Every structure is written in C-alpha cells, then in structure tokens.
Amino acid sequence: MTLAEILLRLGCTLVGWMLVYAHALMLAVISRLDCTAQGPRFGRDALLFAGLAALFLPLIPMGRKLPGLTSILRAFTVPLALAVPLAVREVWPFAVGSTLGDASLCAVLEPTAAGSPAAPWHAWWAPLQLAVLAGAVVAAVSFWRPVALGSGAGRSGSP
C-alpha cells in the first residue's frame, strides 16, 4: 500500500467520523434550541449536516484495511455508543410529531408554537436524521468486524 493510498484512506475515515460526530452532537442538543428567533433553521442546518455525513458514510470503512491504524480508528467508534442514543432520544419526538403527525418542527420543539405551519420537508426530516444515525452505527460495527489486511478483491500481486 502506497503512502498516498494510506493518507487517502485515513483522511476519508477521519473526515467521515468528524462529520458523523458533528451531526450526532448537533442532534443531541437540538431540544435546547430556540425556535422563536429564526424559525426552523435548525432543521435546515441539521439536514445539511445529515447530507454531508451521508456522503462520507460509505468512505468511513476505507480505514479498516490500514495496517497498524485499525485499532486506533476503532477508538472513534466507542463515543458513538453515547452520541447516537442521545441523538435518537432528541429526534424521536420529531418523528412522532412531524412525521406521524402534522406538526411543524417548531411546534414539536416548543408546544407554544403549535400554530406555525409545517413545511413539506418537516415530514421527512426525522426519518432522514434517523437513517443517517443508523448508517453511522453500521459504519461503526463494520470497524469491529475482522478483515484480512492482505486481501484485495481484483488485485494482482504486481506492485
């Protein structure tokens, strides 16, 4: 494996984990936000982070085949065991209120804003967030599966 390939794999994995953690931590504190000042802007921001995290989720497992670094990269999966349940706990009321019900994100966040109209994207906001969090769990679990470092599909033995 060349140095360029090692750096590319390491970079994709680290940037992917950073985006996943930024997304999970953003969702974990979402109930502390104020909807009266800027409306459902937090929802649009969370969608942006969800999109970025979803783009990098398939690249996270690239770091699994880095000799000597796999065990270090596995350490990034441990705090995810705390971040994802906290994020799911905060997103779940939005799934019930906006997806299953017809409430806006602000009405779910602040019951006093129950009269605010729901935009069309409010209904699929929570399922998208939960899907990205589920993808993060799958990426974390993939790091703990054993992998043969020397195997490469479709590679010949030439340098």
C-alpha atoms as a PDB file:
ATOM      1  CA  MET A   1       0.000   0.000   0.000  1.00  0.00           C
ATOM      2  CA  THR A   2       1.500   3.328  -1.017  1.00  0.00           C
ATOM      3  CA  LEU A   3       1.740   6.354   1.244  1.00  0.00           C
ATOM      4  CA  ALA A   4      -0.784   8.212  -0.905  1.00  0.00           C
ATOM      5  CA  GLU A   5      -3.324   5.400  -0.500  1.00  0.00           C
ATOM      6  CA  ILE A   6      -2.757   5.283   3.257  1.00  0.00           C
ATOM      7  CA  LEU A   7      -3.252   9.047   3.567  1.00  0.00           C
ATOM      8  CA  LEU A   8      -6.363   8.968   1.392  1.00  0.00           C
ATOM      9  CA  ARG A   9      -7.914   6.144   3.393  1.00  0.00           C
ATOM     10  CA  LEU A  10      -7.015   7.793   6.686  1.00  0.00           C
ATOM     11  CA  GLY A  11      -8.315  11.197   5.562  1.00  0.00           C
ATOM     12  CA  CYS A  12     -11.632   9.834   4.323  1.00  0.00           C
ATOM     13  CA  THR A  13     -12.130   7.894   7.530  1.00  0.00           C
ATOM     14  CA  LEU A  14     -11.277  10.790   9.839  1.00  0.00           C
ATOM     15  CA  VAL A  15     -13.340  13.376   7.949  1.00  0.00           C
ATOM     16  CA  GLY A  16     -16.238  10.925   7.849  1.00  0.00           C
ATOM     17  CA  TRP A  17     -16.094  10.369  11.599  1.00  0.00           C
ATOM     18  CA  MET A  18     -15.848  14.127  12.237  1.00  0.00           C
ATOM     19  CA  LEU A  19     -18.977  14.787  10.175  1.00  0.00           C
ATOM     20  CA  VAL A  20     -20.859  11.925  11.816  1.00  0.00           C
ATOM     21  CA  TYR A  21     -19.966  13.205  15.278  1.00  0.00           C
ATOM     22  CA  ALA A  22     -20.838  16.807  14.388  1.00  0.00           C
ATOM     23  CA  HIS A  23     -24.205  15.593  13.132  1.00  0.00           C
ATOM     24  CA  ALA A  24     -24.894  13.389  16.168  1.00  0.00           C
ATOM     25  CA  LEU A  25     -23.864  16.091  18.641  1.00  0.00           C
ATOM     26  CA  MET A  26     -25.940  18.688  16.824  1.00  0.00           C
ATOM     27  CA  LEU A  27     -28.971  16.437  17.123  1.00  0.00           C
ATOM     28  CA  ALA A  28     -28.200  15.630  20.766  1.00  0.00           C
ATOM     29  CA  VAL A  29     -28.626  19.283  21.766  1.00  0.00           C
ATOM     30  CA  ILE A  30     -31.474  20.178  19.432  1.00  0.00           C
ATOM     31  CA  SER A  31     -34.076  20.408  22.206  1.00  0.00           C
ATOM     32  CA  ARG A  32     -32.109  23.255  23.789  1.00  0.00           C
ATOM     33  CA  LEU A  33     -32.538  25.461  20.725  1.00  0.00           C
ATOM     34  CA  ASP A  34     -34.929  28.374  20.447  1.00  0.00           C
ATOM     35  CA  CYS A  35     -37.355  28.316  17.554  1.00  0.00           C
ATOM     36  CA  THR A  36     -38.833  31.765  18.094  1.00  0.00           C
ATOM     37  CA  ALA A  37     -35.882  33.781  16.769  1.00  0.00           C
ATOM     38  CA  GLN A  38     -35.068  32.041  13.491  1.00  0.00           C
ATOM     39  CA  GLY A  39     -37.846  29.539  12.953  1.00  0.00           C
ATOM     40  CA  PRO A  40     -36.940  26.012  11.838  1.00  0.00           C
ATOM     41  CA  ARG A  41     -33.441  26.992  10.697  1.00  0.00           C
ATOM     42  CA  PHE A  42     -32.023  24.320  12.990  1.00  0.00           C
ATOM     43  CA  GLY A  43     -33.849  21.778  10.838  1.00  0.00           C
ATOM     44  CA  ARG A  44     -32.235  23.040   7.638  1.00  0.00           C
ATOM     45  CA  ASP A  45     -28.817  23.079   9.313  1.00  0.00           C
ATOM     46  CA  ALA A  46     -29.316  19.519  10.537  1.00  0.00           C
ATOM     47  CA  LEU A  47     -30.322  18.493   7.006  1.00  0.00           C
ATOM     48  CA  LEU A  48     -27.063  19.978   5.703  1.00  0.00           C
ATOM     49  CA  PHE A  49     -25.026  18.011   8.230  1.00  0.00           C
ATOM     50  CA  ALA A  50     -27.075  14.886   7.515  1.00  0.00           C
ATOM     51  CA  GLY A  51     -26.307  15.243   3.807  1.00  0.00           C
ATOM     52  CA  LEU A  52     -22.592  15.721   4.420  1.00  0.00           C
ATOM     53  CA  ALA A  53     -22.466  12.817   6.841  1.00  0.00           C
ATOM     54  CA  ALA A  54     -24.396  10.619   4.392  1.00  0.00           C
ATOM     55  CA  LEU A  55     -21.885  11.460   1.646  1.00  0.00           C
ATOM     56  CA  PHE A  56     -18.967  10.398   3.813  1.00  0.00           C
ATOM     57  CA  LEU A  57     -20.563   7.357   5.483  1.00  0.00           C
ATOM     58  CA  PRO A  58     -19.555   4.999   2.649  1.00  0.00           C
ATOM     59  CA  LEU A  59     -15.975   6.272   2.868  1.00  0.00           C
ATOM     60  CA  ILE A  60     -15.530   5.601   6.603  1.00  0.00           C
ATOM     61  CA  PRO A  61     -14.827   1.855   6.191  1.00  0.00           C
ATOM     62  CA  MET A  62     -11.874   2.679   3.915  1.00  0.00           C
ATOM     63  CA  GLY A  63      -9.763   2.913   7.066  1.00  0.00           C
ATOM     64  CA  ARG A  64     -10.451  -0.684   8.034  1.00  0.00           C
ATOM     65  CA  LYS A  65      -7.547  -2.015   5.981  1.00  0.00           C
ATOM     66  CA  LEU A  66      -4.865   0.313   7.326  1.00  0.00           C
ATOM     67  CA  PRO A  67      -2.186  -1.839   8.909  1.00  0.00           C
ATOM     68  CA  GLY A  68      -1.385  -0.693  12.414  1.00  0.00           C
ATOM     69  CA  LEU A  69      -4.061   2.020  12.474  1.00  0.00           C
ATOM     70  CA  THR A  70      -7.232  -0.050  12.547  1.00  0.00           C
ATOM     71  CA  SER A  71      -7.177  -0.442  16.328  1.00  0.00           C
ATOM     72  CA  ILE A  72      -6.663   3.307  16.765  1.00  0.00           C
ATOM     73  CA  LEU A  73      -9.502   4.091  14.365  1.00  0.00           C
ATOM     74  CA  ARG A  74     -11.739   1.679  16.267  1.00  0.00           C
ATOM     75  CA  ALA A  75     -11.477   4.050  19.227  1.00  0.00           C
ATOM     76  CA  PHE A  76     -13.552   6.570  17.251  1.00  0.00           C
ATOM     77  CA  THR A  77     -16.493   4.183  17.383  1.00  0.00           C
ATOM     78  CA  VAL A  78     -16.666   3.996  21.182  1.00  0.00           C
ATOM     79  CA  PRO A  79     -18.064   7.503  21.905  1.00  0.00           C
ATOM     80  CA  LEU A  80     -20.629   6.894  19.186  1.00  0.00           C
ATOM     81  CA  ALA A  81     -22.269   4.461  21.608  1.00  0.00           C
ATOM     82  CA  LEU A  82     -23.198   7.510  23.714  1.00  0.00           C
ATOM     83  CA  ALA A  83     -23.798  10.077  20.974  1.00  0.00           C
ATOM     84  CA  VAL A  84     -26.264   8.058  18.888  1.00  0.00           C
ATOM     85  CA  PRO A  85     -28.701   7.184  21.710  1.00  0.00           C
ATOM     86  CA  LEU A  86     -28.699  10.821  22.833  1.00  0.00           C
ATOM     87  CA  ALA A  87     -29.388  11.971  19.281  1.00  0.00           C
ATOM     88  CA  VAL A  88     -32.150   9.393  18.767  1.00  0.00           C
ATOM     89  CA  ARG A  89     -33.750  10.468  22.047  1.00  0.00           C
ATOM     90  CA  GLU A  90     -33.885  14.051  20.781  1.00  0.00           C
ATOM     91  CA  VAL A  91     -35.054  13.204  17.239  1.00  0.00           C
ATOM     92  CA  TRP A  92     -37.758  10.737  18.244  1.00  0.00           C
ATOM     93  CA  PRO A  93     -40.327  13.405  19.286  1.00  0.00           C
ATOM     94  CA  PHE A  94     -39.928  14.970  15.836  1.00  0.00           C
ATOM     95  CA  ALA A  95     -40.618  11.585  14.225  1.00  0.00           C
ATOM     96  CA  VAL A  96     -43.821  11.274  16.239  1.00  0.00           C
ATOM     97  CA  GLY A  97     -44.926  14.900  15.935  1.00  0.00           C
ATOM     98  CA  SER A  98     -43.859  15.863  12.409  1.00  0.00           C
ATOM     99  CA  THR A  99     -43.704  12.575  10.545  1.00  0.00           C
ATOM    100  CA  LEU A 100     -46.593  10.672  12.082  1.00  0.00           C
ATOM    101  CA  GLY A 101     -48.454  13.865  12.974  1.00  0.00           C
ATOM    102  CA  ASP A 102     -48.707  17.068  11.017  1.00  0.00           C
ATOM    103  CA  ALA A 103     -46.891  19.426  13.400  1.00  0.00           C
ATOM    104  CA  SER A 104     -44.083  21.710  12.303  1.00  0.00           C
ATOM    105  CA  LEU A 105     -40.591  21.268  13.708  1.00  0.00           C
ATOM    106  CA  CYS A 106     -41.059  24.389  15.839  1.00  0.00           C
ATOM    107  CA  ALA A 107     -44.364  23.074  17.200  1.00  0.00           C
ATOM    108  CA  VAL A 108     -42.629  19.883  18.293  1.00  0.00           C
ATOM    109  CA  LEU A 109     -39.698  21.793  19.787  1.00  0.00           C
ATOM    110  CA  GLU A 110     -41.897  24.382  21.530  1.00  0.00           C
ATOM    111  CA  PRO A 111     -45.516  23.360  22.125  1.00  0.00           C
ATOM    112  CA  THR A 112     -46.452  27.048  22.459  1.00  0.00           C
ATOM    113  CA  ALA A 113     -45.717  27.453  18.724  1.00  0.00           C
ATOM    114  CA  ALA A 114     -48.429  24.944  17.798  1.00  0.00           C
ATOM    115  CA  GLY A 115     -49.973  27.252  15.219  1.00  0.00           C
ATOM    116  CA  SER A 116     -46.904  27.510  12.997  1.00  0.00           C
ATOM    117  CA  PRO A 117     -47.393  25.894   9.569  1.00  0.00           C
ATOM    118  CA  ALA A 118     -45.397  22.809   8.682  1.00  0.00           C
ATOM    119  CA  ALA A 119     -43.269  22.948   5.536  1.00  0.00           C
ATOM    120  CA  PRO A 120     -43.384  19.853   3.301  1.00  0.00           C
ATOM    121  CA  TRP A 121     -39.856  18.797   4.307  1.00  0.00           C
ATOM    122  CA  HIS A 122     -40.780  18.680   8.014  1.00  0.00           C
ATOM    123  CA  ALA A 123     -42.473  15.305   7.497  1.00  0.00           C
ATOM    124  CA  TRP A 124     -39.306  13.564   6.298  1.00  0.00           C
ATOM    125  CA  TRP A 125     -36.817  15.463   8.469  1.00  0.00           C
ATOM    126  CA  ALA A 126     -36.785  12.968  11.370  1.00  0.00           C
ATOM    127  CA  PRO A 127     -36.651   9.775   9.235  1.00  0.00           C
ATOM    128  CA  LEU A 128     -33.681  11.191   7.328  1.00  0.00           C
ATOM    129  CA  GLN A 129     -31.861  12.020  10.558  1.00  0.00           C
ATOM    130  CA  LEU A 130     -32.560   8.559  11.946  1.00  0.00           C
ATOM    131  CA  ALA A 131     -31.376   6.927   8.708  1.00  0.00           C
ATOM    132  CA  VAL A 132     -28.048   8.771   8.847  1.00  0.00           C
ATOM    133  CA  LEU A 133     -27.624   7.780  12.507  1.00  0.00           C
ATOM    134  CA  ALA A 134     -28.366   4.162  11.575  1.00  0.00           C
ATOM    135  CA  GLY A 135     -25.748   4.399   8.831  1.00  0.00           C
ATOM    136  CA  ALA A 136     -23.251   5.649  11.421  1.00  0.00           C
ATOM    137  CA  VAL A 137     -23.983   2.624  13.587  1.00  0.00           C
ATOM    138  CA  VAL A 138     -23.446   0.317  10.600  1.00  0.00           C
ATOM    139  CA  ALA A 139     -20.117   2.040   9.855  1.00  0.00           C
ATOM    140  CA  ALA A 140     -19.059   1.666  13.489  1.00  0.00           C
ATOM    141  CA  VAL A 141     -19.986  -2.011  13.572  1.00  0.00           C
ATOM    142  CA  SER A 142     -18.047  -2.589  10.348  1.00  0.00           C
ATOM    143  CA  PHE A 143     -14.885  -1.413  12.089  1.00  0.00           C
ATOM    144  CA  TRP A 144     -15.171  -4.186  14.643  1.00  0.00           C
ATOM    145  CA  ARG A 145     -15.546  -6.965  12.080  1.00  0.00           C
ATOM    146  CA  PRO A 146     -12.255  -8.714  11.371  1.00  0.00           C
ATOM    147  CA  VAL A 147     -10.734  -8.022   7.976  1.00  0.00           C
ATOM    148  CA  ALA A 148      -7.839  -9.712   6.201  1.00  0.00           C
ATOM    149  CA  LEU A 149      -5.282  -6.947   5.611  1.00  0.00           C
ATOM    150  CA  GLY A 150      -3.602  -8.645   2.686  1.00  0.00           C
ATOM    151  CA  SER A 151      -6.715  -9.431   0.692  1.00  0.00           C
ATOM    152  CA  GLY A 152      -7.822  -7.146  -2.088  1.00  0.00           C
ATOM    153  CA  ALA A 153     -10.612  -8.024  -4.492  1.00  0.00           C
ATOM    154  CA  GLY A 154      -9.479  -7.998  -8.087  1.00  0.00           C
ATOM    155  CA  ARG A 155      -5.864  -7.128  -7.338  1.00  0.00           C
ATOM    156  CA  SER A 156      -2.954  -8.874  -8.843  1.00  0.00           C
ATOM    157  CA  GLY A 157       0.260  -9.407  -6.982  1.00  0.00           C
ATOM    158  CA  SER A 158       2.102  -6.757  -9.007  1.00  0.00           C
ATOM    159  CA  PRO A 159       3.317  -3.578  -7.242  1.00  0.00           C
END
